[in-house]
C-alpha atoms as a PDB file:
ATOM      1  CA  MET A   1     111.571 100.196  89.478  1.00  0.00           C
ATOM      2  CA  ALA A   2     110.803 103.476  91.453  1.00  0.00           C
ATOM      3  CA  LEU A   3     110.265 101.953  94.805  1.00  0.00           C
ATOM      4  CA  PRO A   4     111.812  98.508  94.288  1.00  0.00           C
ATOM      5  CA  GLU A   5     110.974  97.273  98.031  1.00  0.00           C
ATOM      6  CA  GLY A   6     107.378  98.943  97.681  1.00  0.00           C
ATOM      7  CA  ILE A   7     106.073 101.338 100.553  1.00  0.00           C
ATOM      8  CA  MET A   8     105.617 100.808 104.168  1.00  0.00           C
ATOM      9  CA  ARG A   9     101.967  99.980 105.204  1.00  0.00           C
ATOM     10  CA  SER A  10     101.733 103.328 107.298  1.00  0.00           C
ATOM     11  CA  SER A  11     102.140 105.707 104.887  1.00  0.00           C
ATOM     12  CA  THR A  12     100.562 108.605 103.645  1.00  0.00           C
ATOM     13  CA  ILE A  13     101.374 109.463 100.183  1.00  0.00           C
ATOM     14  CA  ILE A  14     100.590 112.345  97.786  1.00  0.00           C
ATOM     15  CA  ILE A  15     100.385 111.880  94.101  1.00  0.00           C
ATOM     16  CA  SER A  16     100.771 115.488  92.494  1.00  0.00           C
ATOM     17  CA  GLY A  17     101.315 116.931  89.252  1.00  0.00           C
ATOM     18  CA  PRO A  18      99.455 118.999  86.444  1.00  0.00           C
ATOM     19  CA  ALA A  19      96.236 117.825  84.564  1.00  0.00           C
ATOM     20  CA  GLY A  20      96.557 115.340  82.221  1.00  0.00           C
ATOM     21  CA  THR A  21      99.490 113.335  83.538  1.00  0.00           C
ATOM     22  CA  GLY A  22      97.807 110.172  84.869  1.00  0.00           C
ATOM     23  CA  LYS A  23      97.335 110.446  88.457  1.00  0.00           C
ATOM     24  CA  SER A  24      93.879 109.198  88.757  1.00  0.00           C
ATOM     25  CA  VAL A  25      95.070 106.304  86.378  1.00  0.00           C
ATOM     26  CA  ILE A  26      98.133 105.743  88.694  1.00  0.00           C
ATOM     27  CA  LEU A  27      95.424 105.613  91.674  1.00  0.00           C
ATOM     28  CA  THR A  28      93.204 103.202  89.894  1.00  0.00           C
ATOM     29  CA  HIS A  29      95.960 100.980  89.527  1.00  0.00           C
ATOM     30  CA  VAL A  30      97.135 101.117  93.058  1.00  0.00           C
ATOM     31  CA  ALA A  31      93.797 100.300  94.177  1.00  0.00           C
ATOM     32  CA  HIS A  32      93.374  97.497  91.718  1.00  0.00           C
ATOM     33  CA  SER A  33      97.161  95.778  93.208  1.00  0.00           C
ATOM     34  CA  PHE A  34      95.348  95.925  96.836  1.00  0.00           C
ATOM     35  CA  LEU A  35      91.908  94.474  95.303  1.00  0.00           C
ATOM     36  CA  SER A  36      93.732  91.828  93.466  1.00  0.00           C
ATOM     37  CA  ARG A  37      95.398  90.465  96.767  1.00  0.00           C
ATOM     38  CA  GLY A  38      91.983  90.280  98.301  1.00  0.00           C
ATOM     39  CA  GLU A  39      92.764  93.319 100.260  1.00  0.00           C
ATOM     40  CA  GLU A  40      89.842  96.266 101.081  1.00  0.00           C
ATOM     41  CA  VAL A  41      90.107  99.409  99.338  1.00  0.00           C
ATOM     42  CA  VAL A  42      88.094 102.652 100.577  1.00  0.00           C
ATOM     43  CA  TYR A  43      87.737 104.875  97.721  1.00  0.00           C
ATOM     44  CA  VAL A  44      86.523 108.776  98.155  1.00  0.00           C
ATOM     45  CA  THR A  45      85.690 109.961  94.813  1.00  0.00           C
ATOM     46  CA  PHE A  46      85.543 114.163  94.893  1.00  0.00           C
ATOM     47  CA  ASP A  47      86.872 114.738  91.288  1.00  0.00           C
ATOM     48  CA  ASP A  48      84.326 112.479  89.284  1.00  0.00           C
ATOM     49  CA  SER A  49      81.362 110.353  89.668  1.00  0.00           C
ATOM     50  CA  PRO A  50      81.566 106.740  91.314  1.00  0.00           C
ATOM     51  CA  GLU A  51      80.459 105.729  87.858  1.00  0.00           C
ATOM     52  CA  ALA A  52      83.433 107.632  86.287  1.00  0.00           C
ATOM     53  CA  LEU A  53      85.632 105.647  88.360  1.00  0.00           C
ATOM     54  CA  LEU A  54      84.145 102.312  87.566  1.00  0.00           C
ATOM     55  CA  GLU A  55      84.448 102.940  84.123  1.00  0.00           C
ATOM     56  CA  LEU A  56      87.928 103.697  84.452  1.00  0.00           C
ATOM     57  CA  PHE A  57      88.377  99.986  85.926  1.00  0.00           C
ATOM     58  CA  ARG A  58      86.645  98.512  83.130  1.00  0.00           C
ATOM     59  CA  SER A  59      88.879 100.415  80.736  1.00  0.00           C
ATOM     60  CA  PHE A  60      91.879  98.279  81.999  1.00  0.00           C
ATOM     61  CA  LYS A  61      89.563  95.002  81.685  1.00  0.00           C
ATOM     62  CA  TRP A  62      88.907  94.788  85.212  1.00  0.00           C
ATOM     63  CA  ASP A  63      85.500  94.097  86.650  1.00  0.00           C
ATOM     64  CA  PRO A  64      84.633  96.362  89.501  1.00  0.00           C
ATOM     65  CA  VAL A  65      81.482  94.873  90.391  1.00  0.00           C
ATOM     66  CA  LYS A  66      83.328  91.579  91.285  1.00  0.00           C
ATOM     67  CA  TYR A  67      85.489  93.498  94.168  1.00  0.00           C
ATOM     68  CA  VAL A  68      82.108  95.227  94.952  1.00  0.00           C
ATOM     69  CA  ASP A  69      80.187  91.655  95.455  1.00  0.00           C
ATOM     70  CA  GLN A  70      83.412  90.391  97.435  1.00  0.00           C
ATOM     71  CA  GLY A  71      82.956  93.335  99.946  1.00  0.00           C
ATOM     72  CA  LEU A  72      86.512  94.681  99.057  1.00  0.00           C
ATOM     73  CA  LEU A  73      85.944  97.873  96.800  1.00  0.00           C
ATOM     74  CA  LYS A  74      84.249 100.274  98.832  1.00  0.00           C
ATOM     75  CA  ILE A  75      83.258 103.638  97.387  1.00  0.00           C
ATOM     76  CA  VAL A  76      82.538 107.117  99.416  1.00  0.00           C
ATOM     77  CA  ASP A  77      80.564 109.479  97.000  1.00  0.00           C
ATOM     78  CA  GLY A  78      81.670 112.970  97.332  1.00  0.00           C
ATOM     79  CA  PHE A  79      80.691 113.997  93.831  1.00  0.00           C
ATOM     80  CA  SER A  80      76.931 113.087  93.419  1.00  0.00           C
ATOM     81  CA  PHE A  81      75.404 115.689  95.586  1.00  0.00           C
ATOM     82  CA  ARG A  82      75.848 118.312  92.822  1.00  0.00           C
ATOM     83  CA  LEU A  83      73.519 116.212  90.497  1.00  0.00           C
ATOM     84  CA  GLY A  84      70.415 116.957  92.370  1.00  0.00           C
ATOM     85  CA  SER A  85      67.442 115.130  90.960  1.00  0.00           C
ATOM     86  CA  LEU A  86      69.996 113.471  88.342  1.00  0.00           C
ATOM     87  CA  ARG A  87      71.486 111.577  91.292  1.00  0.00           C
ATOM     88  CA  LYS A  88      70.839 107.583  90.851  1.00  0.00           C
ATOM     89  CA  PRO A  89      72.032 104.596  92.999  1.00  0.00           C
ATOM     90  CA  ILE A  90      75.493 103.400  91.934  1.00  0.00           C
ATOM     91  CA  LYS A  91      76.554  99.919  92.937  1.00  0.00           C
ATOM     92  CA  GLY A  92      79.688  99.946  95.366  1.00  0.00           C
ATOM     93  CA  VAL A  93      78.774 103.382  96.841  1.00  0.00           C
ATOM     94  CA  VAL A  94      78.328 102.731 100.475  1.00  0.00           C
ATOM     95  CA  LYS A  95      78.677 106.390 102.076  1.00  0.00           C
ATOM     96  CA  GLU A  96      78.306 109.712 100.727  1.00  0.00           C
ATOM     97  CA  VAL A  97      80.201 112.796 101.937  1.00  0.00           C
ATOM     98  CA  ARG A  98      80.764 116.500 100.880  1.00  0.00           C
ATOM     99  CA  PRO A  99      84.199 118.414 100.504  1.00  0.00           C
ATOM    100  CA  GLU A 100      83.463 121.340 102.477  1.00  0.00           C
ATOM    101  CA  ASP A 101      82.939 119.144 105.540  1.00  0.00           C
ATOM    102  CA  PRO A 102      86.319 117.480 105.904  1.00  0.00           C
ATOM    103  CA  SER A 103      85.564 116.283 109.757  1.00  0.00           C
ATOM    104  CA  ARG A 104      82.707 114.233 108.387  1.00  0.00           C
ATOM    105  CA  THR A 105      84.581 112.956 105.511  1.00  0.00           C
ATOM    106  CA  LEU A 106      87.321 111.660 108.130  1.00  0.00           C
ATOM    107  CA  TYR A 107      84.453 110.338 110.608  1.00  0.00           C
ATOM    108  CA  THR A 108      83.187 108.152 107.527  1.00  0.00           C
ATOM    109  CA  ILE A 109      86.473 106.588 106.518  1.00  0.00           C
ATOM    110  CA  ASN A 110      87.265 105.702 110.188  1.00  0.00           C
ATOM    111  CA  GLU A 111      83.575 104.514 110.754  1.00  0.00           C
ATOM    112  CA  LEU A 112      83.933 102.278 107.742  1.00  0.00           C
ATOM    113  CA  LEU A 113      87.321 100.851 108.598  1.00  0.00           C
ATOM    114  CA  GLU A 114      86.134 100.203 112.139  1.00  0.00           C
ATOM    115  CA  GLU A 115      82.909  98.715 110.750  1.00  0.00           C
ATOM    116  CA  HIS A 116      84.675  96.109 108.734  1.00  0.00           C
ATOM    117  CA  LYS A 117      87.856  95.968 111.209  1.00  0.00           C
ATOM    118  CA  ILE A 118      90.106  96.751 108.555  1.00  0.00           C
ATOM    119  CA  GLU A 119      93.842  97.339 110.134  1.00  0.00           C
ATOM    120  CA  ASN A 120      97.250  96.269 108.770  1.00  0.00           C
ATOM    121  CA  ARG A 121      95.814  95.768 105.242  1.00  0.00           C
ATOM    122  CA  GLY A 122      94.066  97.468 102.236  1.00  0.00           C
ATOM    123  CA  CYS A 123      94.310 101.045 101.405  1.00  0.00           C
ATOM    124  CA  VAL A 124      92.239 104.664 101.488  1.00  0.00           C
ATOM    125  CA  ILE A 125      92.378 106.579  98.636  1.00  0.00           C
ATOM    126  CA  ILE A 126      91.196 110.227  98.254  1.00  0.00           C
ATOM    127  CA  ASP A 127      90.848 111.802  95.034  1.00  0.00           C
ATOM    128  CA  SER A 128      91.468 114.567  95.238  1.00  0.00           C
ATOM    129  CA  LEU A 129      92.378 117.291  97.665  1.00  0.00           C
ATOM    130  CA  ASN A 130      91.610 119.955  95.207  1.00  0.00           C
ATOM    131  CA  GLU A 131      87.827 119.858  95.930  1.00  0.00           C
ATOM    132  CA  LEU A 132      88.739 120.775  99.534  1.00  0.00           C
ATOM    133  CA  MET A 133      90.860 123.803  98.141  1.00  0.00           C
ATOM    134  CA  PHE A 134      87.836 125.246  96.500  1.00  0.00           C
ATOM    135  CA  LYS A 135      85.404 124.908  99.478  1.00  0.00           C
ATOM    136  CA  LEU A 136      88.389 125.662 102.468  1.00  0.00           C
ATOM    137  CA  ASP A 137      91.545 127.446 103.492  1.00  0.00           C
ATOM    138  CA  ILE A 138      94.716 125.962 103.157  1.00  0.00           C
ATOM    139  CA  THR A 139      95.175 125.465 107.007  1.00  0.00           C
ATOM    140  CA  GLN A 140      92.061 123.369 106.741  1.00  0.00           C
ATOM    141  CA  VAL A 141      93.314 121.012 104.076  1.00  0.00           C
ATOM    142  CA  LEU A 142      96.426 120.623 105.896  1.00  0.00           C
ATOM    143  CA  GLU A 143      94.548 119.797 109.400  1.00  0.00           C
ATOM    144  CA  PHE A 144      92.607 117.088 107.275  1.00  0.00           C
ATOM    145  CA  VAL A 145      95.683 115.490 105.752  1.00  0.00           C
ATOM    146  CA  LYS A 146      97.391 115.253 109.265  1.00  0.00           C
ATOM    147  CA  SER A 147      94.410 113.935 110.770  1.00  0.00           C
ATOM    148  CA  VAL A 148      93.742 111.337 108.307  1.00  0.00           C
ATOM    149  CA  ARG A 149      97.681 110.392 108.598  1.00  0.00           C
ATOM    150  CA  ALA A 150      97.508 109.977 112.056  1.00  0.00           C
ATOM    151  CA  ILE A 151      94.448 107.900 112.298  1.00  0.00           C
ATOM    152  CA  VAL A 152      94.488 105.945 109.453  1.00  0.00           C
ATOM    153  CA  SER A 153      98.009 105.368 108.331  1.00  0.00           C
ATOM    154  CA  LYS A 154      99.757 105.605 111.733  1.00  0.00           C
ATOM    155  CA  GLY A 155      96.524 104.492 114.108  1.00  0.00           C
ATOM    156  CA  ARG A 156      95.586 101.531 111.895  1.00  0.00           C
ATOM    157  CA  ALA A 157      98.803 101.153 109.540  1.00  0.00           C
ATOM    158  CA  ILE A 158      96.368 101.578 106.482  1.00  0.00           C
ATOM    159  CA  ALA A 159      98.296 102.927 103.349  1.00  0.00           C
ATOM    160  CA  THR A 160      96.748 106.109 102.489  1.00  0.00           C
ATOM    161  CA  PHE A 161      96.862 108.035  98.941  1.00  0.00           C
ATOM    162  CA  PHE A 162      95.772 111.623  97.977  1.00  0.00           C
ATOM    163  CA  THR A 163      96.010 113.313  94.451  1.00  0.00           C
ATOM    164  CA  LEU A 164      96.717 117.062  94.086  1.00  0.00           C
ATOM    165  CA  HIS A 165      96.443 118.736  90.722  1.00  0.00           C
ATOM    166  CA  THR A 166      99.104 121.167  91.003  1.00  0.00           C
ATOM    167  CA  THR A 167      97.186 124.029  88.718  1.00  0.00           C
ATOM    168  CA  THR A 168      97.480 127.047  90.853  1.00  0.00           C
ATOM    169  CA  ASP A 169     100.185 129.220  92.787  1.00  0.00           C
ATOM    170  CA  ALA A 170      97.931 128.238  95.981  1.00  0.00           C
ATOM    171  CA  LEU A 171      98.143 124.522  95.109  1.00  0.00           C
ATOM    172  CA  MET A 172     101.891 124.498  94.487  1.00  0.00           C
ATOM    173  CA  GLU A 173     101.907 126.040  97.822  1.00  0.00           C
ATOM    174  CA  LEU A 174      99.618 123.276  99.536  1.00  0.00           C
ATOM    175  CA  ARG A 175     102.090 120.817  97.981  1.00  0.00           C
ATOM    176  CA  ALA A 176     105.262 122.486  99.352  1.00  0.00           C
ATOM    177  CA  HIS A 177     103.549 122.199 102.936  1.00  0.00           C
ATOM    178  CA  LEU A 178     102.549 118.787 102.338  1.00  0.00           C
ATOM    179  CA  GLU A 179     105.988 117.533 101.354  1.00  0.00           C
ATOM    180  CA  TYR A 180     107.038 118.051 105.110  1.00  0.00           C
ATOM    181  CA  LEU A 181     103.693 116.311 106.398  1.00  0.00           C
ATOM    182  CA  VAL A 182     103.618 112.998 104.619  1.00  0.00           C
ATOM    183  CA  ASP A 183     105.581 110.113 104.305  1.00  0.00           C
ATOM    184  CA  GLY A 184     105.496 109.944 100.412  1.00  0.00           C
ATOM    185  CA  LEU A 185     105.599 112.279  97.722  1.00  0.00           C
ATOM    186  CA  ILE A 186     105.073 111.071  93.725  1.00  0.00           C
ATOM    187  CA  GLU A 187     105.293 113.686  91.136  1.00  0.00           C
ATOM    188  CA  THR A 188     104.013 113.433  87.849  1.00  0.00           C
ATOM    189  CA  ARG A 189     104.714 115.780  84.633  1.00  0.00           C
ATOM    190  CA  ILE A 190     105.050 115.868  80.811  1.00  0.00           C
ATOM    191  CA  GLU A 191     108.572 115.867  79.772  1.00  0.00           C
ATOM    192  CA  PRO A 192     108.843 119.523  78.929  1.00  0.00           C
ATOM    193  CA  ASN A 193     111.772 119.343  76.043  1.00  0.00           C
ATOM    194  CA  LEU A 194     109.899 116.251  74.063  1.00  0.00           C
ATOM    195  CA  GLN A 195     106.398 118.199  74.463  1.00  0.00           C
ATOM    196  CA  GLU A 196     107.972 120.916  72.615  1.00  0.00           C
ATOM    197  CA  MET A 197     108.440 118.455  70.112  1.00  0.00           C
ATOM    198  CA  GLY A 198     105.107 117.114  69.989  1.00  0.00           C
ATOM    199  CA  ILE A 199     105.586 114.081  72.084  1.00  0.00           C
ATOM    200  CA  PRO A 200     103.515 114.142  75.223  1.00  0.00           C
ATOM    201  CA  LEU A 201     105.934 112.030  77.171  1.00  0.00           C
ATOM    202  CA  LYS A 202     104.236 111.304  80.558  1.00  0.00           C
ATOM    203  CA  GLN A 203     106.982 110.755  83.682  1.00  0.00           C
ATOM    204  CA  LEU A 204     106.570 110.169  87.286  1.00  0.00           C
ATOM    205  CA  MET A 205     109.523 110.500  90.264  1.00  0.00           C
ATOM    206  CA  VAL A 206     109.427 109.334  93.732  1.00  0.00           C
ATOM    207  CA  LYS A 207     110.583 112.544  95.644  1.00  0.00           C
ATOM    208  CA  LYS A 208     110.387 111.126  99.035  1.00  0.00           C
ATOM    209  CA  MET A 209     109.403 107.664 100.410  1.00  0.00           C
ATOM    210  CA  ARG A 210     110.029 107.239 104.023  1.00  0.00           C
ATOM    211  CA  GLY A 211     111.461 104.047 105.256  1.00  0.00           C
ATOM    212  CA  VAL A 212     112.086 102.358 101.922  1.00  0.00           C
ATOM    213  CA  PRO A 213     114.668 102.670  99.197  1.00  0.00           C
ATOM    214  CA  THR A 214     113.662 104.746  96.204  1.00  0.00           C
ATOM    215  CA  ASN A 215     115.010 105.504  92.890  1.00  0.00           C
ATOM    216  CA  PRO A 216     114.656 109.365  92.371  1.00  0.00           C
ATOM    217  CA  LEU A 217     114.940 109.604  88.504  1.00  0.00           C
ATOM    218  CA  TRP A 218     112.171 110.815  86.344  1.00  0.00           C
ATOM    219  CA  MET A 219     110.656 107.479  84.932  1.00  0.00           C
ATOM    220  CA  PRO A 220     108.922 107.624  81.466  1.00  0.00           C
ATOM    221  CA  TYR A 221     105.655 105.782  81.216  1.00  0.00           C
ATOM    222  CA  VAL A 222     102.871 105.345  78.948  1.00  0.00           C
ATOM    223  CA  ILE A 223      98.964 104.252  79.744  1.00  0.00           C
ATOM    224  CA  ILE A 224      97.717 101.701  77.376  1.00  0.00           C
ATOM    225  CA  SER A 225      94.561  99.432  77.264  1.00  0.00           C
ATOM    226  CA  GLU A 226      96.349  96.955  79.461  1.00  0.00           C
ATOM    227  CA  GLY A 227      97.314  99.431  82.140  1.00  0.00           C
ATOM    228  CA  ILE A 228     100.641 101.418  82.640  1.00  0.00           C
ATOM    229  CA  ARG A 229     103.771 100.415  81.451  1.00  0.00           C
ATOM    230  CA  LEU A 230     107.326 101.735  81.157  1.00  0.00           C
ATOM    231  CA  VAL A 231     108.272 103.316  77.838  1.00  0.00           C
ATOM    232  CA  ASP A 232     110.659 101.222  75.768  1.00  0.00           C
ATOM    233  CA  GLN A 233     113.654 103.608  75.465  1.00  0.00           C
ATOM    234  CA  SER A 234     114.921 102.410  72.149  1.00  0.00           C
ATOM    235  CA  LYS A 235     111.535 103.139  70.833  1.00  0.00           C
ATOM    236  CA  LEU A 236     111.569 106.586  72.249  1.00  0.00           C
ATOM    237  CA  ALA A 237     114.865 107.439  70.849  1.00  0.00           C
ATOM    238  CA  ALA A 238     113.789 106.503  67.551  1.00  0.00           C
ATOM    239  CA  LEU A 239     110.727 108.744  67.885  1.00  0.00           C
ATOM    240  CA  VAL A 240     112.717 111.504  68.857  1.00  0.00           C
ATOM    241  CA  LYS A 241     115.305 110.895  66.093  1.00  0.00           C
ATOM    242  CA  ALA A 242     112.363 111.013  63.545  1.00  0.00           C
ATOM    243  CA  ARG A 243     110.932 114.034  65.157  1.00  0.00           C
ATOM    244  CA  LEU A 244     114.256 115.730  64.893  1.00  0.00           C
ATOM    245  CA  LYS A 245     114.694 114.738  61.288  1.00  0.00           C
ATOM    246  CA  GLU A 246     111.409 116.287  60.514  1.00  0.00           C
ATOM    247  CA  ALA A 247     112.092 119.702  62.050  1.00  0.00           C
ATOM    248  CA  ILE A 248     115.610 119.918  60.543  1.00  0.00           C
ATOM    249  CA  GLY A 249     114.053 119.257  57.017  1.00  0.00           C
ATOM    250  CA  GLY A 250     111.299 121.787  57.818  1.00  0.00           C
ATOM    251  CA  LEU A 251     113.994 124.140  58.515  1.00  0.00           C
ATOM    252  CA  GLN A 252     116.025 123.648  55.365  1.00  0.00           C
ATOM    253  CA  GLN A 253     112.893 123.752  53.240  1.00  0.00           C
ATOM    254  CA  GLY A 254     112.069 127.141  54.887  1.00  0.00           C
ATOM    255  CA  ALA A 255     115.554 128.569  54.205  1.00  0.00           C
ATOM    256  CA  THR A 256     115.397 127.636  50.496  1.00  0.00           C
END
């Protein structure tokens, strides 16, 4: 396990990595782990629509409407303002925000937490910081993260998770700054050597997690209909062996 003793409730954690490495799926699993224990989740959707979030839940055979009806799942919609007249009401959406106004976003989150008296339980998820970087400069984004950490994680002892898609040099610079500001950093990637062999193996590593022991190794995982699972090392070894055999066979045929 990457985190054998879990995390401290007062943690602010960044999950970063290139596109396609499963960050949003990891966040959905984080949300479900809290919801299934009867703890509230405030989920801020900047990257995609609230409906897409609900569909992601359903793809793992989880019923998000059940958690909405129980008052546990509260979605803050930072996406649908783009839809104009195409917008429609979505069950679970309790507030709306825009990425260019981080102060309003923080106020909205804190207002929800205060309204429902949420302290020392539950989590806040913000997916992702990229949308803020498209609208703001890096200092404004860093100040937003610092404020969320101070008010939500430290002030209310509520775990907070951000995603960051590291697709440009500016976003890599943001991650480097965030590493020293937050309590935890989890990196994701596609294993580069296996990718060259046509095996898109997802991996994650807990690079930093304040206050708890970690296992700082790249851990391979797969996403299946039942959720996230660690890779069976014997099956992976057999697949790599088969691909190497194919590659060697192709080289030998080309040489003849």
